[in-house]
Amino acid sequence: QVQLVESGGGLVQAGGSLRLSCAASGPFLTRYTIGWLRQAPGTAREFVAAIDWSAGTGTTYYADSVKGRFTVSRDNANDTVYLQMNNMKPEDTAVYYCAGMLYGSGWLSRPNDYRIWGQGTQVTVSS
């Protein structure tokens, strides 16, 4: 069973940067797409970014709201996926989760299609 553990959340001023990490463990990691999703208080969980883990692709995907500001990447040697967040805005404030689905098994933008979840990490952007 694949397990995911996030780290790197915190408080940052608007315009600042944070990097989140998602450490993965378990078998067949290269069969997964790893996504970052977030949930602000009183709102539904929403897709942020994702990356295919397979060595041959590494294709990345982004929500329109973060394109050009956030970058998702992976470190295959350390089984870690990163979310680099730059030029952050107060509306980026949320609990950020990394989540996994088997490659091609669902829609990246649909939280319910992810089968494995981390515990979440709080990100707060002050204005």
N, C-alpha and C. Protein backbone atom coordinates (compact mmCIF):
# COMPACT_ATOMS: atom_id res chain seq x y z
N GLN A 1 0.84 -1.19 0.00
CA GLN A 1 0.00 0.00 0.00
C GLN A 1 0.88 1.25 0.00
N VAL A 2 0.64 2.13 -0.96
CA VAL A 2 1.39 3.38 -1.03
C VAL A 2 0.92 4.32 0.08
N GLN A 3 1.88 4.98 0.71
CA GLN A 3 1.59 5.97 1.74
C GLN A 3 2.23 7.29 1.35
N LEU A 4 1.56 8.38 1.70
CA LEU A 4 2.02 9.73 1.35
C LEU A 4 2.07 10.59 2.60
N VAL A 5 3.16 11.34 2.76
CA VAL A 5 3.32 12.21 3.92
C VAL A 5 3.77 13.59 3.43
N GLU A 6 2.95 14.62 3.72
CA GLU A 6 3.30 15.97 3.31
C GLU A 6 4.11 16.68 4.38
N SER A 7 4.87 17.66 3.94
CA SER A 7 5.57 18.55 4.86
C SER A 7 5.85 19.86 4.13
N GLY A 8 6.20 20.88 4.91
CA GLY A 8 6.63 22.14 4.31
C GLY A 8 5.65 23.28 4.38
N GLY A 9 4.49 23.06 4.96
CA GLY A 9 3.52 24.15 5.08
C GLY A 9 3.99 25.19 6.08
N GLY A 10 3.25 26.31 6.12
CA GLY A 10 3.60 27.36 7.06
C GLY A 10 2.94 28.67 6.70
N LEU A 11 3.46 29.73 7.28
CA LEU A 11 2.94 31.08 7.08
C LEU A 11 3.90 31.86 6.20
N VAL A 12 3.36 32.53 5.19
CA VAL A 12 4.18 33.32 4.28
C VAL A 12 3.42 34.58 3.91
N GLN A 13 4.13 35.64 3.62
CA GLN A 13 3.50 36.87 3.20
C GLN A 13 3.15 36.79 1.71
N ALA A 14 2.16 37.56 1.32
CA ALA A 14 1.80 37.64 -0.10
C ALA A 14 3.02 38.01 -0.93
N GLY A 15 3.18 37.31 -2.04
CA GLY A 15 4.35 37.51 -2.89
C GLY A 15 5.50 36.58 -2.57
N GLY A 16 5.41 35.90 -1.44
CA GLY A 16 6.48 35.00 -1.01
C GLY A 16 6.36 33.61 -1.61
N SER A 17 7.23 32.72 -1.14
CA SER A 17 7.32 31.36 -1.69
C SER A 17 7.35 30.32 -0.57
N LEU A 18 6.86 29.15 -0.90
CA LEU A 18 6.95 27.97 -0.05
C LEU A 18 7.16 26.76 -0.94
N ARG A 19 7.80 25.74 -0.40
CA ARG A 19 7.90 24.48 -1.11
C ARG A 19 7.33 23.37 -0.24
N LEU A 20 6.35 22.66 -0.77
CA LEU A 20 5.78 21.51 -0.10
C LEU A 20 6.44 20.24 -0.61
N SER A 21 6.56 19.27 0.28
CA SER A 21 7.10 17.97 -0.09
C SER A 21 6.08 16.89 0.20
N CYS A 22 6.09 15.87 -0.64
CA CYS A 22 5.23 14.71 -0.46
C CYS A 22 6.11 13.47 -0.57
N ALA A 23 6.41 12.88 0.56
CA ALA A 23 7.25 11.69 0.58
C ALA A 23 6.38 10.46 0.41
N ALA A 24 6.73 9.64 -0.56
CA ALA A 24 5.93 8.47 -0.87
C ALA A 24 6.69 7.21 -0.49
N SER A 25 5.94 6.21 -0.10
CA SER A 25 6.54 4.90 0.17
C SER A 25 5.55 3.84 -0.27
N GLY A 26 6.10 2.67 -0.61
CA GLY A 26 5.24 1.59 -1.02
C GLY A 26 5.60 1.10 -2.41
N PRO A 27 4.91 0.05 -2.84
CA PRO A 27 5.23 -0.58 -4.13
C PRO A 27 4.63 0.14 -5.33
N PHE A 28 5.28 -0.04 -6.47
CA PHE A 28 4.74 0.37 -7.77
C PHE A 28 4.46 1.86 -7.87
N LEU A 29 5.33 2.69 -7.29
CA LEU A 29 5.11 4.13 -7.33
C LEU A 29 5.04 4.65 -8.75
N THR A 30 5.77 4.04 -9.66
CA THR A 30 5.79 4.55 -11.03
C THR A 30 4.47 4.33 -11.75
N ARG A 31 3.54 3.65 -11.14
CA ARG A 31 2.22 3.46 -11.74
C ARG A 31 1.25 4.57 -11.36
N TYR A 32 1.72 5.50 -10.55
CA TYR A 32 0.81 6.50 -10.00
C TYR A 32 1.00 7.88 -10.62
N THR A 33 -0.09 8.61 -10.61
CA THR A 33 -0.06 10.06 -10.77
C THR A 33 -0.27 10.65 -9.39
N ILE A 34 0.60 11.59 -9.02
CA ILE A 34 0.50 12.23 -7.72
C ILE A 34 -0.02 13.65 -7.91
N GLY A 35 -1.05 13.96 -7.20
CA GLY A 35 -1.66 15.28 -7.30
C GLY A 35 -1.52 16.07 -6.02
N TRP A 36 -1.60 17.37 -6.17
CA TRP A 36 -1.73 18.28 -5.03
C TRP A 36 -3.12 18.91 -5.11
N LEU A 37 -3.83 18.82 -4.02
CA LEU A 37 -5.15 19.42 -3.92
C LEU A 37 -5.19 20.26 -2.67
N ARG A 38 -6.12 21.19 -2.59
CA ARG A 38 -6.20 22.05 -1.42
C ARG A 38 -7.64 22.30 -1.04
N GLN A 39 -7.81 22.65 0.22
CA GLN A 39 -9.16 22.93 0.72
C GLN A 39 -9.09 24.08 1.70
N ALA A 40 -9.77 25.14 1.34
CA ALA A 40 -9.89 26.30 2.22
C ALA A 40 -11.15 26.13 3.08
N PRO A 41 -11.21 26.79 4.23
CA PRO A 41 -12.39 26.65 5.09
C PRO A 41 -13.67 27.00 4.36
N GLY A 42 -14.67 26.14 4.49
CA GLY A 42 -15.97 26.39 3.89
C GLY A 42 -16.04 26.17 2.40
N THR A 43 -14.99 25.61 1.83
CA THR A 43 -15.00 25.38 0.38
C THR A 43 -14.74 23.90 0.08
N ALA A 44 -15.00 23.53 -1.16
CA ALA A 44 -14.73 22.16 -1.57
C ALA A 44 -13.25 21.98 -1.87
N ARG A 45 -12.80 20.75 -1.75
CA ARG A 45 -11.41 20.46 -2.09
C ARG A 45 -11.23 20.67 -3.59
N GLU A 46 -10.10 21.29 -3.97
CA GLU A 46 -9.89 21.58 -5.39
C GLU A 46 -8.50 21.15 -5.84
N PHE A 47 -8.44 20.83 -7.12
CA PHE A 47 -7.20 20.41 -7.75
C PHE A 47 -6.26 21.60 -7.91
N VAL A 48 -4.97 21.34 -7.67
CA VAL A 48 -3.95 22.38 -7.83
C VAL A 48 -2.96 21.99 -8.94
N ALA A 49 -2.37 20.81 -8.81
CA ALA A 49 -1.35 20.38 -9.77
C ALA A 49 -1.17 18.88 -9.64
N ALA A 50 -0.53 18.28 -10.64
CA ALA A 50 -0.27 16.85 -10.59
C ALA A 50 0.90 16.51 -11.49
N ILE A 51 1.49 15.34 -11.24
CA ILE A 51 2.60 14.87 -12.05
C ILE A 51 2.52 13.36 -12.17
N ASP A 52 2.78 12.88 -13.37
CA ASP A 52 2.85 11.43 -13.58
C ASP A 52 4.19 10.94 -13.07
N TRP A 53 4.19 9.84 -12.30
CA TRP A 53 5.42 9.40 -11.68
C TRP A 53 6.29 8.58 -12.62
N SER A 54 5.69 8.00 -13.66
CA SER A 54 6.45 7.10 -14.49
C SER A 54 7.64 7.82 -15.10
N ALA A 55 8.76 7.12 -15.14
CA ALA A 55 10.01 7.75 -15.56
C ALA A 55 9.94 8.25 -16.98
N GLY A 56 9.14 7.61 -17.81
CA GLY A 56 9.11 7.99 -19.21
C GLY A 56 8.30 9.22 -19.53
N THR A 57 7.48 9.68 -18.60
CA THR A 57 6.63 10.84 -18.92
C THR A 57 6.94 12.00 -17.99
N GLY A 58 6.50 11.91 -16.76
CA GLY A 58 6.67 13.04 -15.86
C GLY A 58 5.84 14.22 -16.30
N THR A 59 4.77 13.94 -17.02
CA THR A 59 3.91 15.02 -17.47
C THR A 59 3.30 15.74 -16.28
N THR A 60 3.23 17.05 -16.38
CA THR A 60 2.67 17.87 -15.30
C THR A 60 1.36 18.52 -15.74
N TYR A 61 0.54 18.81 -14.75
CA TYR A 61 -0.79 19.39 -14.98
C TYR A 61 -1.02 20.47 -13.92
N TYR A 62 -1.71 21.54 -14.31
CA TYR A 62 -1.93 22.65 -13.38
C TYR A 62 -3.35 23.20 -13.52
N ALA A 63 -3.88 23.62 -12.39
CA ALA A 63 -5.10 24.41 -12.42
C ALA A 63 -4.78 25.80 -12.97
N ASP A 64 -5.73 26.40 -13.63
CA ASP A 64 -5.50 27.73 -14.21
C ASP A 64 -5.10 28.75 -13.17
N SER A 65 -5.61 28.60 -11.96
CA SER A 65 -5.36 29.58 -10.91
C SER A 65 -3.91 29.61 -10.44
N VAL A 66 -3.14 28.57 -10.74
CA VAL A 66 -1.76 28.51 -10.25
C VAL A 66 -0.74 28.44 -11.38
N LYS A 67 -1.17 28.36 -12.61
CA LYS A 67 -0.23 28.30 -13.74
C LYS A 67 0.68 29.51 -13.73
N GLY A 68 1.95 29.24 -13.93
CA GLY A 68 2.93 30.32 -13.94
C GLY A 68 3.45 30.69 -12.56
N ARG A 69 2.80 30.20 -11.51
CA ARG A 69 3.23 30.50 -10.14
C ARG A 69 3.71 29.25 -9.40
N PHE A 70 3.05 28.14 -9.63
CA PHE A 70 3.38 26.89 -8.95
C PHE A 70 4.06 25.93 -9.92
N THR A 71 4.96 25.12 -9.38
CA THR A 71 5.64 24.11 -10.18
C THR A 71 5.66 22.79 -9.42
N VAL A 72 5.20 21.74 -10.06
CA VAL A 72 5.24 20.41 -9.46
C VAL A 72 6.40 19.64 -10.09
N SER A 73 7.13 18.92 -9.25
CA SER A 73 8.27 18.16 -9.75
C SER A 73 8.42 16.90 -8.92
N ARG A 74 9.28 16.00 -9.39
CA ARG A 74 9.47 14.76 -8.64
C ARG A 74 10.95 14.44 -8.56
N ASP A 75 11.31 13.75 -7.51
CA ASP A 75 12.65 13.24 -7.29
C ASP A 75 12.52 11.73 -7.18
N ASN A 76 12.77 11.04 -8.26
CA ASN A 76 12.58 9.58 -8.25
C ASN A 76 13.54 8.89 -7.29
N ALA A 77 14.72 9.42 -7.13
CA ALA A 77 15.71 8.77 -6.26
C ALA A 77 15.25 8.78 -4.80
N ASN A 78 14.51 9.82 -4.43
CA ASN A 78 14.06 9.94 -3.04
C ASN A 78 12.56 9.73 -2.88
N ASP A 79 11.90 9.32 -3.96
CA ASP A 79 10.45 9.05 -3.90
C ASP A 79 9.69 10.22 -3.30
N THR A 80 9.99 11.40 -3.79
CA THR A 80 9.36 12.61 -3.26
C THR A 80 8.84 13.48 -4.40
N VAL A 81 7.66 14.02 -4.20
CA VAL A 81 7.07 14.98 -5.13
C VAL A 81 7.03 16.34 -4.43
N TYR A 82 7.36 17.38 -5.17
CA TYR A 82 7.42 18.72 -4.60
C TYR A 82 6.39 19.63 -5.26
N LEU A 83 5.95 20.61 -4.50
CA LEU A 83 5.14 21.69 -5.06
C LEU A 83 5.81 23.00 -4.67
N GLN A 84 6.45 23.63 -5.62
CA GLN A 84 7.07 24.92 -5.41
C GLN A 84 6.04 26.00 -5.68
N MET A 85 5.78 26.83 -4.70
CA MET A 85 4.75 27.86 -4.81
C MET A 85 5.42 29.23 -4.72
N ASN A 86 5.32 30.00 -5.79
CA ASN A 86 5.91 31.34 -5.86
C ASN A 86 4.82 32.39 -6.04
N ASN A 87 5.17 33.62 -5.74
CA ASN A 87 4.23 34.74 -5.90
C ASN A 87 2.88 34.37 -5.29
N MET A 88 2.93 33.96 -4.06
CA MET A 88 1.72 33.46 -3.42
C MET A 88 0.75 34.58 -3.09
N LYS A 89 -0.53 34.20 -3.06
CA LYS A 89 -1.61 35.15 -2.82
C LYS A 89 -2.42 34.70 -1.61
N PRO A 90 -3.11 35.62 -0.95
CA PRO A 90 -3.95 35.22 0.19
C PRO A 90 -4.95 34.13 -0.17
N GLU A 91 -5.43 34.12 -1.39
CA GLU A 91 -6.40 33.10 -1.78
C GLU A 91 -5.78 31.72 -1.95
N ASP A 92 -4.46 31.61 -1.82
CA ASP A 92 -3.80 30.30 -1.80
C ASP A 92 -3.86 29.66 -0.42
N THR A 93 -4.35 30.37 0.56
CA THR A 93 -4.47 29.84 1.92
C THR A 93 -5.40 28.64 1.95
N ALA A 94 -4.90 27.53 2.45
CA ALA A 94 -5.69 26.29 2.48
C ALA A 94 -4.87 25.20 3.15
N VAL A 95 -5.52 24.09 3.40
CA VAL A 95 -4.80 22.85 3.73
C VAL A 95 -4.47 22.17 2.40
N TYR A 96 -3.22 21.86 2.22
CA TYR A 96 -2.75 21.23 0.98
C TYR A 96 -2.53 19.74 1.23
N TYR A 97 -3.05 18.95 0.31
CA TYR A 97 -2.92 17.50 0.39
C TYR A 97 -2.20 16.98 -0.84
N CYS A 98 -1.35 15.98 -0.66
CA CYS A 98 -0.93 15.22 -1.82
C CYS A 98 -1.75 13.94 -1.85
N ALA A 99 -2.03 13.50 -3.03
CA ALA A 99 -2.91 12.35 -3.21
C ALA A 99 -2.47 11.58 -4.45
N GLY A 100 -2.81 10.30 -4.47
CA GLY A 100 -2.37 9.46 -5.57
C GLY A 100 -3.51 8.70 -6.22
N MET A 101 -3.39 8.56 -7.53
CA MET A 101 -4.28 7.67 -8.26
C MET A 101 -3.45 6.88 -9.26
N LEU A 102 -3.89 5.70 -9.56
CA LEU A 102 -3.20 4.93 -10.59
C LEU A 102 -3.31 5.68 -11.91
N TYR A 103 -2.22 5.69 -12.64
CA TYR A 103 -2.14 6.44 -13.89
C TYR A 103 -3.32 6.11 -14.81
N GLY A 104 -4.02 7.15 -15.23
CA GLY A 104 -5.11 6.97 -16.16
C GLY A 104 -6.39 6.44 -15.58
N SER A 105 -6.49 6.34 -14.24
CA SER A 105 -7.66 5.71 -13.64
C SER A 105 -8.76 6.69 -13.29
N GLY A 106 -8.53 7.97 -13.50
CA GLY A 106 -9.56 8.93 -13.16
C GLY A 106 -9.23 10.31 -13.68
N TRP A 107 -10.02 11.27 -13.26
CA TRP A 107 -9.83 12.66 -13.66
C TRP A 107 -9.03 13.38 -12.58
N LEU A 108 -7.96 14.03 -12.97
CA LEU A 108 -7.09 14.70 -12.01
C LEU A 108 -7.83 15.77 -11.22
N SER A 109 -8.82 16.39 -11.85
CA SER A 109 -9.52 17.50 -11.21
C SER A 109 -10.61 17.03 -10.25
N ARG A 110 -10.84 15.76 -10.16
CA ARG A 110 -11.90 15.23 -9.29
C ARG A 110 -11.29 14.61 -8.05
N PRO A 111 -11.43 15.26 -6.91
CA PRO A 111 -10.83 14.72 -5.68
C PRO A 111 -11.26 13.29 -5.37
N ASN A 112 -12.49 12.95 -5.68
CA ASN A 112 -12.97 11.61 -5.36
C ASN A 112 -12.29 10.51 -6.17
N ASP A 113 -11.60 10.88 -7.23
CA ASP A 113 -10.91 9.88 -8.04
C ASP A 113 -9.55 9.48 -7.47
N TYR A 114 -9.08 10.24 -6.49
CA TYR A 114 -7.82 9.89 -5.85
C TYR A 114 -8.08 8.83 -4.77
N ARG A 115 -7.22 7.84 -4.71
CA ARG A 115 -7.44 6.71 -3.81
C ARG A 115 -6.58 6.76 -2.57
N ILE A 116 -5.47 7.50 -2.63
CA ILE A 116 -4.54 7.55 -1.50
C ILE A 116 -4.32 9.01 -1.16
N TRP A 117 -4.36 9.31 0.16
CA TRP A 117 -4.23 10.69 0.62
C TRP A 117 -3.21 10.81 1.73
N GLY A 118 -2.51 11.92 1.72
CA GLY A 118 -1.68 12.28 2.86
C GLY A 118 -2.53 12.97 3.91
N GLN A 119 -1.87 13.39 5.00
CA GLN A 119 -2.60 13.96 6.13
C GLN A 119 -2.91 15.44 5.95
N GLY A 120 -2.24 16.09 5.01
CA GLY A 120 -2.46 17.51 4.77
C GLY A 120 -1.48 18.39 5.53
N THR A 121 -1.22 19.55 4.97
CA THR A 121 -0.35 20.53 5.62
C THR A 121 -0.93 21.92 5.39
N GLN A 122 -0.95 22.73 6.45
CA GLN A 122 -1.58 24.05 6.38
C GLN A 122 -0.64 25.06 5.72
N VAL A 123 -1.18 25.81 4.79
CA VAL A 123 -0.47 26.92 4.16
C VAL A 123 -1.31 28.17 4.38
N THR A 124 -0.69 29.20 4.94
CA THR A 124 -1.38 30.46 5.19
C THR A 124 -0.59 31.59 4.55
N VAL A 125 -1.28 32.38 3.73
CA VAL A 125 -0.65 33.51 3.05
C VAL A 125 -1.28 34.79 3.60
N SER A 126 -0.46 35.61 4.23
CA SER A 126 -0.96 36.86 4.81
C SER A 126 -0.85 38.00 3.80
N SER A 127 -1.80 38.93 3.88
CA SER A 127 -1.79 40.05 2.93
C SER A 127 -0.99 41.22 3.46
